[in-house]
Amino acid sequence: MAKYVAALYLRLSVEDTKVESMSIESQRLLLNKYAENLAEDIEVVEYVDNGYSGTNFERPAVQELLTDVQNYKINCILVKDFSRFGRNSIEVGYFTQQIFPLYNVRFISVSDQFDSAEHKGDTGGMEVAFKYLVNEYYSRDLSIKTKSAKYTKMRRGEYNAGNYPYGYISGSDGKPVIDESVADVVRMIFDLTIEGKSAPYITKVLFEKNIPTPAQHKAAHGKTGYLNPDAKYWNPSAVRQLVANEIYMGMFVMCKQRVIDVGSTRTVMRDESEWIKIPNHHPAIVSEEIFRKANETKLTFKKKTNKTHIYPLRKKIFCGCCNHAMRYRKNKMPVFLCEYTMADDTEPCYQMIISEDDLHSSVFDIILKQTQKLSDNMAESDVAAVSNDPLSSIEMKISEFQQEKQHLYEMLVSEEITVDEFKQRKEQCNEEMRRYKQQYNTLQKNTDNIISENITKNKLLKIIKEVENENTLTQSLADMLIEKVHVYPDESVKVKWKVKEFEDVL
């Protein structure tokens, strides 16, 4: 007989560390003690997210747990309370009421005295719904208070981000101070910009002078972050951003972006009128006059506009050699070019360029070929019919044995059969019911697989039809099919697909 697998999910956020009863160890003790009485042959596994917010499900351990649920590896999930699993009422309810029952997974919240096995066919009532809402509103209230305190500090110039751009380091009070080891590099970039030098030209000067990139500089001082320490070339975009950053003239600038909603990781840019700006907040590397002159030089810095040029492969084009995003340059004949290695003529992608028309044509040809192969593979495969008749037949058999057990009990009470006969015949019924339930589960999985395959086939047929109706690459096709496009010096391209079936087609 297979083991009963109980998954203990433990979560601790930064705020929870202040409450001793919320510690990982206290949660572990409570859940292990409860799990002991769930089944005789039980296997306990742990999933721990330490230091993660419960406002969203972008947590490594909870994602691993959900994957194991989908793979039918889990029989039961135990949490200390609902808030450990999540603080978003809609998402928590979706999993506990829709997903877990689908995979026959029992969900237990120990402190809330909730066991899904006791609430089959209902949601747990108003008490459970109220706890969902309390947890969600607690997170929202905490978020609002935290943001309010942070914005107050920002307006006073007291908020210290700590992770400052190239040219600055964090001082003893947390405020930015000039990093004298690279301050002259920053001044040189501004001077070259004022002279009318382009960003690619400046990156070549920096490369020839063997000046470490911002990522290399951080790595050399033992700091890690989102920057890639293996990046050996200055990026023209980084030079443009440096020249445009008001921090270099002593301006404190914060609150440029905002999170869309509590628990979300998506951000949007605020209007510049909403930014918090405090002049003379910290030591300036360049004067305000030099900063203004550099940013008035149109050859190196173009004033930002709210208008963004949209094209089908926006943010999808990468160099196949250095794997950096290729820049889109809108001319009379728009092109994509690899700027990253423009300072080093020994690189294979040095000055690599491809026209937008040629790239679109190549990508569309690949889409057509993949679509044709997929269409050929599907030609012999029809959409399978799904019938519930076998399942209904088995359900009737199971129901008959349940009625038989009820009849046996009545016969025992009326003394028509002995206790031994009752036990023997009842066990025979149970054995038959187990056999039919096993058949039912197997058939149900097969039916689910057929339904899933039919959904996939219908989706692919829709894609094939949409491709056949087009004669060039469109925004719709690019959004639907393409994750990335890598371009190589010989103008060959390789597509990374969003649709798995396009990736797998031979």
Protein backbone atom coordinates (compact mmCIF):
# COMPACT_ATOMS: atom_id res chain seq x y z
CA MET A 1 0.00 0.00 0.00
CA ALA A 2 1.38 3.42 -0.96
CA LYS A 3 2.48 5.78 1.77
CA TYR A 4 0.30 8.70 2.77
CA VAL A 5 2.37 11.81 1.96
CA ALA A 6 1.74 14.85 4.15
CA ALA A 7 3.35 18.13 3.06
CA LEU A 8 4.15 20.65 5.79
CA TYR A 9 4.25 24.18 4.36
CA LEU A 10 6.15 26.65 6.53
CA ARG A 11 6.51 30.36 5.77
CA LEU A 12 8.13 33.24 7.61
CA SER A 13 8.23 36.81 6.34
CA VAL A 14 10.48 39.59 7.66
CA GLU A 15 7.62 41.08 9.71
CA ASP A 16 6.79 37.69 11.27
CA THR A 17 10.26 37.39 12.87
CA LYS A 18 9.03 39.73 15.59
CA VAL A 19 6.47 37.14 16.72
CA GLU A 20 8.04 34.10 18.40
CA SER A 21 5.06 31.82 17.74
CA MET A 22 5.50 32.41 14.00
CA SER A 23 9.05 31.03 13.86
CA ILE A 24 9.82 28.21 11.44
CA GLU A 25 10.70 25.92 14.34
CA SER A 26 7.42 26.55 16.20
CA GLN A 27 5.44 25.93 12.99
CA ARG A 28 7.42 22.72 12.40
CA LEU A 29 6.73 21.38 15.92
CA LEU A 30 3.00 22.15 15.68
CA LEU A 31 2.54 20.58 12.24
CA ASN A 32 4.65 17.48 12.93
CA LYS A 33 2.63 16.77 16.07
CA TYR A 34 -0.64 17.12 14.13
CA ALA A 35 0.61 14.99 11.22
CA GLU A 36 1.39 12.03 13.52
CA ASN A 37 -2.30 11.17 13.79
CA LEU A 38 -3.26 11.53 10.13
CA ALA A 39 -2.36 8.01 8.94
CA GLU A 40 -0.49 4.90 10.01
CA ASP A 41 1.99 4.68 7.15
CA ILE A 42 2.78 8.41 6.70
CA GLU A 43 5.65 10.21 5.01
CA VAL A 44 6.17 13.82 6.04
CA VAL A 45 7.87 16.27 3.65
CA GLU A 46 8.66 19.94 4.26
CA TYR A 47 8.43 23.02 2.04
CA VAL A 48 9.92 26.14 3.63
CA ASP A 49 9.81 29.76 2.41
CA ASN A 50 11.88 31.80 4.86
CA GLY A 51 11.74 35.56 4.38
CA TYR A 52 8.97 35.64 1.74
CA SER A 53 5.79 37.70 1.76
CA GLY A 54 2.46 35.91 1.66
CA THR A 55 0.84 38.54 -0.55
CA ASN A 56 1.65 36.55 -3.71
CA PHE A 57 2.60 33.01 -4.71
CA GLU A 58 5.96 33.88 -6.29
CA ARG A 59 7.79 31.83 -3.64
CA PRO A 60 10.18 28.98 -4.50
CA ALA A 61 8.94 26.42 -1.95
CA VAL A 62 5.24 27.01 -2.59
CA GLN A 63 5.84 26.69 -6.34
CA GLU A 64 7.65 23.38 -5.73
CA LEU A 65 4.74 22.23 -3.56
CA LEU A 66 2.17 23.10 -6.24
CA THR A 67 4.22 21.25 -8.86
CA ASP A 68 4.28 18.13 -6.65
CA VAL A 69 0.51 18.44 -6.19
CA GLN A 70 0.07 18.48 -9.98
CA ASN A 71 2.26 15.37 -10.22
CA TYR A 72 0.04 13.53 -7.67
CA LYS A 73 2.88 13.26 -5.13
CA ILE A 74 0.97 14.84 -2.23
CA ASN A 75 -2.04 13.52 -0.29
CA CYS A 76 -2.38 16.26 2.31
CA ILE A 77 -1.09 19.81 2.95
CA LEU A 78 -0.76 21.18 6.48
CA VAL A 79 -0.20 24.83 7.44
CA LYS A 80 -0.23 26.60 10.79
CA ASP A 81 -2.93 29.00 9.59
CA PHE A 82 -4.33 30.34 6.32
CA SER A 83 -1.97 33.35 6.36
CA ARG A 84 1.07 31.04 6.17
CA PHE A 85 -0.16 29.68 2.85
CA GLY A 86 -1.13 33.13 1.52
CA ARG A 87 -2.74 36.46 2.36
CA ASN A 88 -4.61 36.96 -0.91
CA SER A 89 -8.16 35.71 -0.31
CA ILE A 90 -8.96 35.07 -3.98
CA GLU A 91 -5.79 33.06 -4.70
CA VAL A 92 -5.93 31.06 -1.45
CA GLY A 93 -9.60 30.25 -2.05
CA TYR A 94 -8.83 29.24 -5.64
CA PHE A 95 -6.28 26.65 -4.50
CA THR A 96 -8.18 25.31 -1.47
CA GLN A 97 -11.58 25.13 -3.18
CA GLN A 98 -10.70 24.38 -6.83
CA ILE A 99 -7.19 23.03 -7.38
CA PHE A 100 -6.59 20.82 -4.33
CA PRO A 101 -9.96 18.99 -4.56
CA LEU A 102 -9.23 18.37 -8.25
CA TYR A 103 -6.06 16.47 -7.30
CA ASN A 104 -7.74 14.87 -4.27
CA VAL A 105 -5.44 16.74 -1.87
CA ARG A 106 -6.63 17.36 1.66
CA PHE A 107 -5.88 20.83 3.09
CA ILE A 108 -5.56 21.42 6.85
CA SER A 109 -5.08 24.75 8.62
CA VAL A 110 -4.33 23.69 12.20
CA SER A 111 -4.84 26.94 14.15
CA ASP A 112 -7.98 27.75 12.15
CA GLN A 113 -9.35 24.25 12.89
CA PHE A 114 -10.07 23.82 9.19
CA ASP A 115 -9.90 20.43 7.48
CA SER A 116 -11.13 20.23 3.88
CA ALA A 117 -12.12 16.58 4.52
CA GLU A 118 -14.87 17.94 6.77
CA HIS A 119 -16.07 20.51 4.24
CA LYS A 120 -16.63 18.52 1.06
CA GLY A 121 -19.11 20.35 -1.12
CA ASP A 122 -18.83 23.66 0.75
CA THR A 123 -16.25 26.42 1.30
CA GLY A 124 -15.95 26.26 5.08
CA GLY A 125 -18.57 28.87 5.79
CA MET A 126 -18.45 32.55 6.78
CA GLU A 127 -15.76 31.93 9.41
CA VAL A 128 -13.23 30.77 6.83
CA ALA A 129 -14.17 33.53 4.37
CA PHE A 130 -13.77 36.11 7.15
CA LYS A 131 -10.28 34.82 8.00
CA TYR A 132 -9.30 35.07 4.31
CA LEU A 133 -10.37 38.72 4.29
CA VAL A 134 -8.66 39.54 7.61
CA ASN A 135 -5.37 38.16 6.30
CA GLU A 136 -5.65 40.11 3.04
CA TYR A 137 -6.62 43.40 4.69
CA TYR A 138 -3.82 42.97 7.24
CA SER A 139 -1.32 42.84 4.34
CA ARG A 140 -2.87 45.84 2.61
CA ASP A 141 -2.93 47.87 5.83
CA LEU A 142 0.67 46.96 6.61
CA SER A 143 1.71 47.86 3.05
CA ILE A 144 -0.01 51.26 3.24
CA LYS A 145 1.61 52.07 6.60
CA THR A 146 5.06 50.95 5.41
CA LYS A 147 4.80 52.99 2.22
CA SER A 148 3.54 56.04 4.12
CA ALA A 149 6.55 55.94 6.47
CA LYS A 150 8.93 55.40 3.53
CA TYR A 151 7.47 58.32 1.50
CA THR A 152 7.72 60.62 4.54
CA LYS A 153 11.43 59.78 4.80
CA MET A 154 11.84 60.33 1.05
CA ARG A 155 10.32 63.82 1.22
CA ARG A 156 12.73 64.70 4.03
CA GLY A 157 15.65 63.25 2.08
CA GLU A 158 16.22 60.70 4.84
CA TYR A 159 15.42 57.53 2.91
CA ASN A 160 18.60 55.71 1.93
CA ALA A 161 18.36 53.21 -0.90
CA GLY A 162 21.89 51.90 -0.25
CA ASN A 163 22.35 50.58 -3.80
CA TYR A 164 23.64 53.70 -5.54
CA PRO A 165 24.64 54.07 -9.21
CA TYR A 166 28.19 54.02 -10.54
CA GLY A 167 30.21 56.89 -9.04
CA TYR A 168 28.61 56.75 -5.60
CA ILE A 169 28.86 54.49 -2.56
CA SER A 170 26.91 54.38 0.69
CA GLY A 171 28.39 56.54 3.44
CA SER A 172 28.41 55.82 7.18
CA ASP A 173 24.96 57.45 7.53
CA GLY A 174 23.63 55.56 4.50
CA LYS A 175 23.60 58.62 2.25
CA PRO A 176 25.45 58.60 -1.10
CA VAL A 177 29.06 59.81 -1.05
CA ILE A 178 31.38 60.15 -4.03
CA ASP A 179 33.37 57.06 -4.99
CA GLU A 180 36.61 58.88 -5.73
CA SER A 181 38.10 55.83 -7.47
CA VAL A 182 35.71 56.26 -10.43
CA ALA A 183 34.48 59.86 -10.10
CA ASP A 184 36.92 61.01 -12.81
CA VAL A 185 35.46 58.39 -15.18
CA VAL A 186 32.00 59.90 -14.66
CA ARG A 187 33.38 63.42 -15.30
CA MET A 188 35.12 62.17 -18.46
CA ILE A 189 31.84 60.72 -19.79
CA PHE A 190 30.10 64.07 -19.25
CA ASP A 191 32.99 65.96 -20.89
CA LEU A 192 32.98 63.70 -23.96
CA THR A 193 29.21 64.07 -24.21
CA ILE A 194 29.49 67.87 -24.17
CA GLU A 195 32.11 67.58 -26.96
CA GLY A 196 29.44 65.89 -29.07
CA LYS A 197 30.77 62.34 -28.90
CA SER A 198 28.22 59.55 -29.33
CA ALA A 199 27.53 56.91 -26.69
CA PRO A 200 29.10 54.11 -28.82
CA TYR A 201 32.20 56.27 -29.30
CA ILE A 202 32.44 56.83 -25.53
CA THR A 203 32.18 53.09 -24.85
CA LYS A 204 35.08 52.53 -27.25
CA VAL A 205 37.18 55.12 -25.39
CA LEU A 206 36.39 53.43 -22.07
CA PHE A 207 37.33 50.03 -23.52
CA GLU A 208 40.60 51.30 -24.97
CA LYS A 209 41.51 52.90 -21.63
CA ASN A 210 40.78 49.51 -20.01
CA ILE A 211 38.32 51.07 -17.55
CA PRO A 212 36.27 48.36 -15.73
CA THR A 213 32.53 48.35 -16.34
CA PRO A 214 30.19 49.26 -13.46
CA ALA A 215 29.51 45.54 -12.92
CA GLN A 216 33.22 44.70 -12.81
CA HIS A 217 33.85 47.61 -10.44
CA LYS A 218 31.16 46.40 -8.04
CA ALA A 219 32.41 42.81 -8.21
CA ALA A 220 35.99 43.95 -7.50
CA HIS A 221 34.71 45.53 -4.27
CA GLY A 222 32.85 42.38 -3.23
CA LYS A 223 29.37 43.61 -4.14
CA THR A 224 26.86 41.56 -6.06
CA GLY A 225 23.57 42.56 -7.57
CA TYR A 226 21.55 42.49 -10.76
CA LEU A 227 24.58 43.60 -12.81
CA ASN A 228 26.53 40.89 -14.64
CA PRO A 229 30.18 40.88 -13.41
CA ASP A 230 31.22 39.05 -16.61
CA ALA A 231 30.14 42.01 -18.76
CA LYS A 232 33.45 43.33 -20.08
CA TYR A 233 32.10 46.07 -22.35
CA TRP A 234 30.42 49.31 -21.46
CA ASN A 235 26.91 49.44 -22.85
CA PRO A 236 25.94 52.58 -24.85
CA SER A 237 22.54 52.50 -23.13
CA ALA A 238 24.29 52.57 -19.74
CA VAL A 239 26.28 55.62 -20.86
CA ARG A 240 23.10 57.40 -21.97
CA GLN A 241 21.38 56.57 -18.67
CA LEU A 242 24.40 57.80 -16.69
CA VAL A 243 24.36 61.16 -18.48
CA ALA A 244 20.62 61.51 -17.82
CA ASN A 245 20.79 60.65 -14.10
CA GLU A 246 20.33 63.78 -11.96
CA ILE A 247 22.03 62.13 -8.98
CA TYR A 248 25.40 63.24 -10.45
CA MET A 249 24.59 66.92 -9.89
CA GLY A 250 23.59 66.27 -6.25
CA MET A 251 19.86 65.81 -6.86
CA PHE A 252 17.98 63.27 -4.71
CA VAL A 253 15.42 61.57 -6.96
CA MET A 254 13.03 58.92 -5.65
CA CYS A 255 9.55 57.51 -6.23
CA LYS A 256 9.96 57.13 -10.01
CA GLN A 257 7.96 53.90 -10.07
CA ARG A 258 5.05 52.37 -8.23
CA VAL A 259 3.92 48.78 -7.70
CA ILE A 260 0.63 48.01 -9.45
CA ASP A 261 -0.93 46.32 -6.39
CA VAL A 262 -0.08 44.77 -3.03
CA GLY A 263 1.83 41.54 -3.58
CA SER A 264 2.57 42.32 -7.22
CA THR A 265 6.12 42.57 -8.57
CA ARG A 266 5.05 44.59 -11.62
CA THR A 267 5.86 48.28 -11.60
CA VAL A 268 4.91 51.22 -13.79
CA MET A 269 6.62 54.58 -14.24
CA ARG A 270 5.05 57.54 -12.48
CA ASP A 271 4.64 60.86 -14.21
CA GLU A 272 7.73 63.02 -13.56
CA SER A 273 5.53 65.50 -11.69
CA GLU A 274 5.04 62.80 -9.01
CA TRP A 275 8.77 62.17 -8.49
CA ILE A 276 10.36 63.31 -5.24
CA LYS A 277 13.30 65.63 -5.98
CA ILE A 278 15.55 67.35 -3.44
CA PRO A 279 18.43 69.48 -4.81
CA ASN A 280 21.83 69.69 -3.05
CA HIS A 281 21.03 66.52 -1.16
CA HIS A 282 24.52 65.00 -1.43
CA PRO A 283 27.94 65.84 -2.95
CA ALA A 284 27.78 66.41 -6.71
CA ILE A 285 30.27 64.80 -9.11
CA VAL A 286 29.49 67.34 -11.86
CA SER A 287 28.05 70.83 -11.65
CA GLU A 288 24.49 71.58 -12.65
CA GLU A 289 25.83 73.60 -15.61
CA ILE A 290 27.82 70.61 -16.93
CA PHE A 291 24.84 68.30 -16.42
CA ARG A 292 22.53 70.62 -18.38
CA LYS A 293 25.03 71.08 -21.23
CA ALA A 294 25.54 67.31 -21.57
CA ASN A 295 21.82 66.67 -21.74
CA GLU A 296 21.29 69.41 -24.30
CA THR A 297 23.72 67.66 -26.68
CA LYS A 298 21.42 65.93 -29.13
CA LEU A 299 24.13 63.74 -30.62
CA THR A 300 24.39 61.67 -27.44
CA PHE A 301 21.17 62.23 -25.59
CA LYS A 302 17.72 62.59 -27.02
CA LYS A 303 14.99 64.01 -24.87
CA LYS A 304 12.58 61.32 -23.80
CA THR A 305 9.11 61.40 -25.23
CA ASN A 306 6.03 59.58 -24.09
CA LYS A 307 5.66 58.08 -27.57
CA THR A 308 7.12 54.58 -27.83
CA HIS A 309 7.65 53.08 -31.26
CA ILE A 310 5.92 49.70 -31.37
CA TYR A 311 7.17 46.97 -33.69
CA PRO A 312 6.38 43.23 -33.68
CA LEU A 313 9.68 41.97 -32.20
CA ARG A 314 10.12 44.69 -29.58
CA LYS A 315 12.33 43.47 -26.69
CA LYS A 316 12.68 40.05 -28.33
CA ILE A 317 15.84 40.48 -30.48
CA PHE A 318 19.17 39.28 -29.05
CA CYS A 319 22.66 38.82 -30.44
CA GLY A 320 23.40 35.13 -30.97
CA CYS A 321 27.09 35.66 -30.08
CA CYS A 322 27.10 37.81 -26.92
CA ASN A 323 23.43 37.22 -25.98
CA HIS A 324 22.78 40.94 -25.40
CA ALA A 325 19.65 42.72 -26.56
CA MET A 326 20.07 44.29 -29.98
CA ARG A 327 19.19 47.95 -30.34
CA TYR A 328 16.43 49.03 -32.69
CA ARG A 329 17.39 52.04 -34.78
CA LYS A 330 14.53 53.70 -36.64
CA ASN A 331 15.84 55.13 -39.89
CA LYS A 332 14.27 55.29 -43.33
CA MET A 333 15.23 51.61 -43.36
CA PRO A 334 14.98 50.46 -39.69
CA VAL A 335 17.70 48.08 -38.47
CA PHE A 336 18.71 46.05 -35.42
CA LEU A 337 22.34 46.32 -34.32
CA CYS A 338 24.52 44.80 -31.61
CA GLU A 339 25.92 47.72 -29.63
CA TYR A 340 27.52 45.69 -26.89
CA THR A 341 30.74 44.81 -28.76
CA MET A 342 31.06 48.00 -30.84
CA ALA A 343 34.22 48.87 -28.89
CA ASP A 344 36.06 45.65 -29.80
CA ASP A 345 36.64 44.78 -33.46
CA THR A 346 37.92 41.31 -32.50
CA GLU A 347 34.46 40.12 -31.50
CA PRO A 348 32.46 38.06 -34.06
CA CYS A 349 29.41 40.30 -33.60
CA TYR A 350 31.38 43.56 -33.99
CA GLN A 351 29.19 46.05 -35.91
CA MET A 352 26.67 43.27 -36.59
CA ILE A 353 23.53 44.69 -38.15
CA ILE A 354 20.39 43.36 -39.83
CA SER A 355 17.51 45.23 -41.44
CA GLU A 356 14.08 44.99 -39.89
CA ASP A 357 12.59 43.83 -43.21
CA ASP A 358 15.15 41.01 -43.61
CA LEU A 359 14.67 39.89 -40.01
CA HIS A 360 10.87 39.90 -40.28
CA SER A 361 11.06 37.94 -43.52
CA SER A 362 13.40 35.33 -42.00
CA VAL A 363 11.31 34.91 -38.86
CA PHE A 364 8.06 34.64 -40.82
CA ASP A 365 9.61 31.98 -43.10
CA ILE A 366 10.59 29.97 -40.01
CA ILE A 367 7.05 30.30 -38.63
CA LEU A 368 5.62 29.06 -41.94
CA LYS A 369 7.97 26.04 -42.01
CA GLN A 370 7.24 25.12 -38.39
CA THR A 371 3.51 25.53 -38.96
CA GLN A 372 3.62 23.28 -42.03
CA LYS A 373 5.54 20.57 -40.12
CA LEU A 374 3.08 20.82 -37.24
CA SER A 375 0.15 20.65 -39.64
CA ASP A 376 1.62 17.52 -41.30
CA ASN A 377 2.14 15.85 -37.91
CA MET A 378 -1.45 16.59 -36.91
CA ALA A 379 -2.99 15.49 -40.22
CA GLU A 380 -3.28 11.86 -39.09
CA SER A 381 -4.38 12.78 -35.57
CA ASP A 382 -8.07 13.47 -35.09
CA VAL A 383 -9.66 15.08 -32.09
CA ALA A 384 -10.64 12.18 -29.82
CA ALA A 385 -14.19 11.87 -28.57
CA VAL A 386 -14.76 11.93 -24.83
CA SER A 387 -17.43 9.69 -23.36
CA ASN A 388 -18.61 9.65 -19.77
CA ASP A 389 -20.49 6.36 -20.21
CA PRO A 390 -17.74 4.10 -18.76
CA LEU A 391 -17.37 6.42 -15.74
CA SER A 392 -21.12 6.49 -15.18
CA SER A 393 -21.24 2.69 -15.40
CA ILE A 394 -18.52 2.33 -12.75
CA GLU A 395 -20.23 4.91 -10.53
CA MET A 396 -23.39 2.80 -10.71
CA LYS A 397 -21.42 -0.32 -9.71
CA ILE A 398 -19.88 1.49 -6.72
CA SER A 399 -23.34 2.75 -5.73
CA GLU A 400 -24.73 -0.81 -5.93
CA PHE A 401 -22.05 -2.11 -3.55
CA GLN A 402 -22.73 0.75 -1.16
CA GLN A 403 -26.40 -0.25 -1.18
CA GLU A 404 -25.38 -3.88 -0.69
CA LYS A 405 -23.38 -2.88 2.42
CA GLN A 406 -26.41 -1.02 3.76
CA HIS A 407 -28.56 -4.11 3.09
CA LEU A 408 -26.05 -6.35 4.89
CA TYR A 409 -26.19 -4.10 7.92
CA GLU A 410 -29.98 -4.29 7.95
CA MET A 411 -29.77 -8.10 7.72
CA LEU A 412 -27.34 -8.14 10.64
CA VAL A 413 -29.66 -6.00 12.76
CA SER A 414 -32.62 -8.26 11.92
CA GLU A 415 -30.39 -11.28 12.75
CA GLU A 416 -30.78 -12.77 9.26
CA ILE A 417 -26.99 -13.19 9.13
CA THR A 418 -24.30 -13.63 11.78
CA VAL A 419 -21.59 -11.11 12.66
CA ASP A 420 -18.95 -13.26 10.94
CA GLU A 421 -21.04 -13.49 7.77
CA PHE A 422 -21.59 -9.72 7.90
CA LYS A 423 -17.84 -9.02 8.18
CA GLN A 424 -16.95 -11.47 5.42
CA ARG A 425 -19.53 -10.18 2.94
CA LYS A 426 -18.82 -6.55 3.86
CA GLU A 427 -15.11 -7.06 3.17
CA GLN A 428 -16.01 -8.62 -0.20
CA CYS A 429 -18.04 -5.50 -1.02
CA ASN A 430 -15.17 -3.25 0.08
CA GLU A 431 -12.73 -5.19 -2.07
CA GLU A 432 -14.99 -4.87 -5.12
CA MET A 433 -15.47 -1.16 -4.41
CA ARG A 434 -11.70 -0.63 -4.19
CA ARG A 435 -11.26 -2.40 -7.51
CA TYR A 436 -13.92 -0.29 -9.20
CA LYS A 437 -12.60 2.94 -7.65
CA GLN A 438 -9.16 2.12 -9.01
CA GLN A 439 -10.67 1.58 -12.46
CA TYR A 440 -12.59 4.85 -12.05
CA ASN A 441 -9.44 6.82 -11.17
CA THR A 442 -7.55 5.32 -14.12
CA LEU A 443 -10.37 6.12 -16.53
CA GLN A 444 -10.74 9.62 -15.08
CA LYS A 445 -7.03 10.33 -15.66
CA ASN A 446 -7.28 8.99 -19.20
CA THR A 447 -10.33 11.18 -19.82
CA ASP A 448 -8.53 14.22 -18.40
CA ASN A 449 -5.56 13.49 -20.68
CA ILE A 450 -7.82 13.22 -23.73
CA ILE A 451 -9.54 16.49 -22.83
CA SER A 452 -6.12 18.17 -22.37
CA GLU A 453 -4.90 16.79 -25.71
CA ASN A 454 -8.05 18.00 -27.45
CA ILE A 455 -7.64 21.48 -25.98
CA THR A 456 -4.02 21.54 -27.19
CA LYS A 457 -4.99 20.33 -30.68
CA ASN A 458 -7.74 22.93 -30.98
CA LYS A 459 -5.34 25.64 -29.84
CA LEU A 460 -2.75 24.55 -32.43
CA LEU A 461 -5.36 24.36 -35.19
CA LYS A 462 -6.35 27.94 -34.36
CA ILE A 463 -2.70 29.03 -34.52
CA ILE A 464 -2.16 27.25 -37.84
CA LYS A 465 -5.24 28.93 -39.30
CA GLU A 466 -4.08 32.37 -38.09
CA VAL A 467 -0.62 31.87 -39.65
CA GLU A 468 -2.17 30.75 -42.95
CA ASN A 469 -4.23 33.97 -43.05
CA GLU A 470 -1.11 36.18 -42.85
CA ASN A 471 1.55 36.96 -45.44
CA THR A 472 4.00 38.76 -43.14
CA LEU A 473 5.04 38.87 -39.48
CA THR A 474 2.41 40.64 -37.36
CA GLN A 475 2.29 41.82 -33.77
CA SER A 476 -0.32 39.17 -33.03
CA LEU A 477 1.88 36.32 -34.32
CA ALA A 478 4.96 37.63 -32.50
CA ASP A 479 3.11 37.96 -29.18
CA MET A 480 1.49 34.55 -29.54
CA LEU A 481 4.48 32.49 -30.71
CA ILE A 482 7.84 34.12 -30.03
CA GLU A 483 9.78 34.33 -26.78
CA LYS A 484 13.16 35.40 -28.23
CA VAL A 485 14.97 35.67 -31.54
CA HIS A 486 18.75 35.27 -31.70
CA VAL A 487 20.52 36.83 -34.67
CA TYR A 488 23.97 35.73 -35.92
CA PRO A 489 26.64 37.50 -38.03
CA ASP A 490 25.68 35.56 -41.18
CA GLU A 491 22.10 36.92 -40.68
CA SER A 492 20.80 33.50 -39.73
CA VAL A 493 18.25 33.51 -36.90
CA LYS A 494 17.13 31.09 -34.22
CA VAL A 495 13.71 31.38 -32.60
CA LYS A 496 12.83 30.44 -29.03
CA TRP A 497 9.12 29.64 -29.05
CA LYS A 498 6.43 30.41 -26.49
CA VAL A 499 4.37 27.46 -27.73
CA LYS A 500 5.97 24.17 -26.63
CA GLU A 501 4.66 22.27 -29.64
CA PHE A 502 6.55 24.60 -31.99
CA GLU A 503 9.75 23.93 -30.02
CA ASP A 504 9.26 20.15 -30.16
CA VAL A 505 8.24 19.79 -33.81
CA LEU A 506 10.80 17.88 -35.91
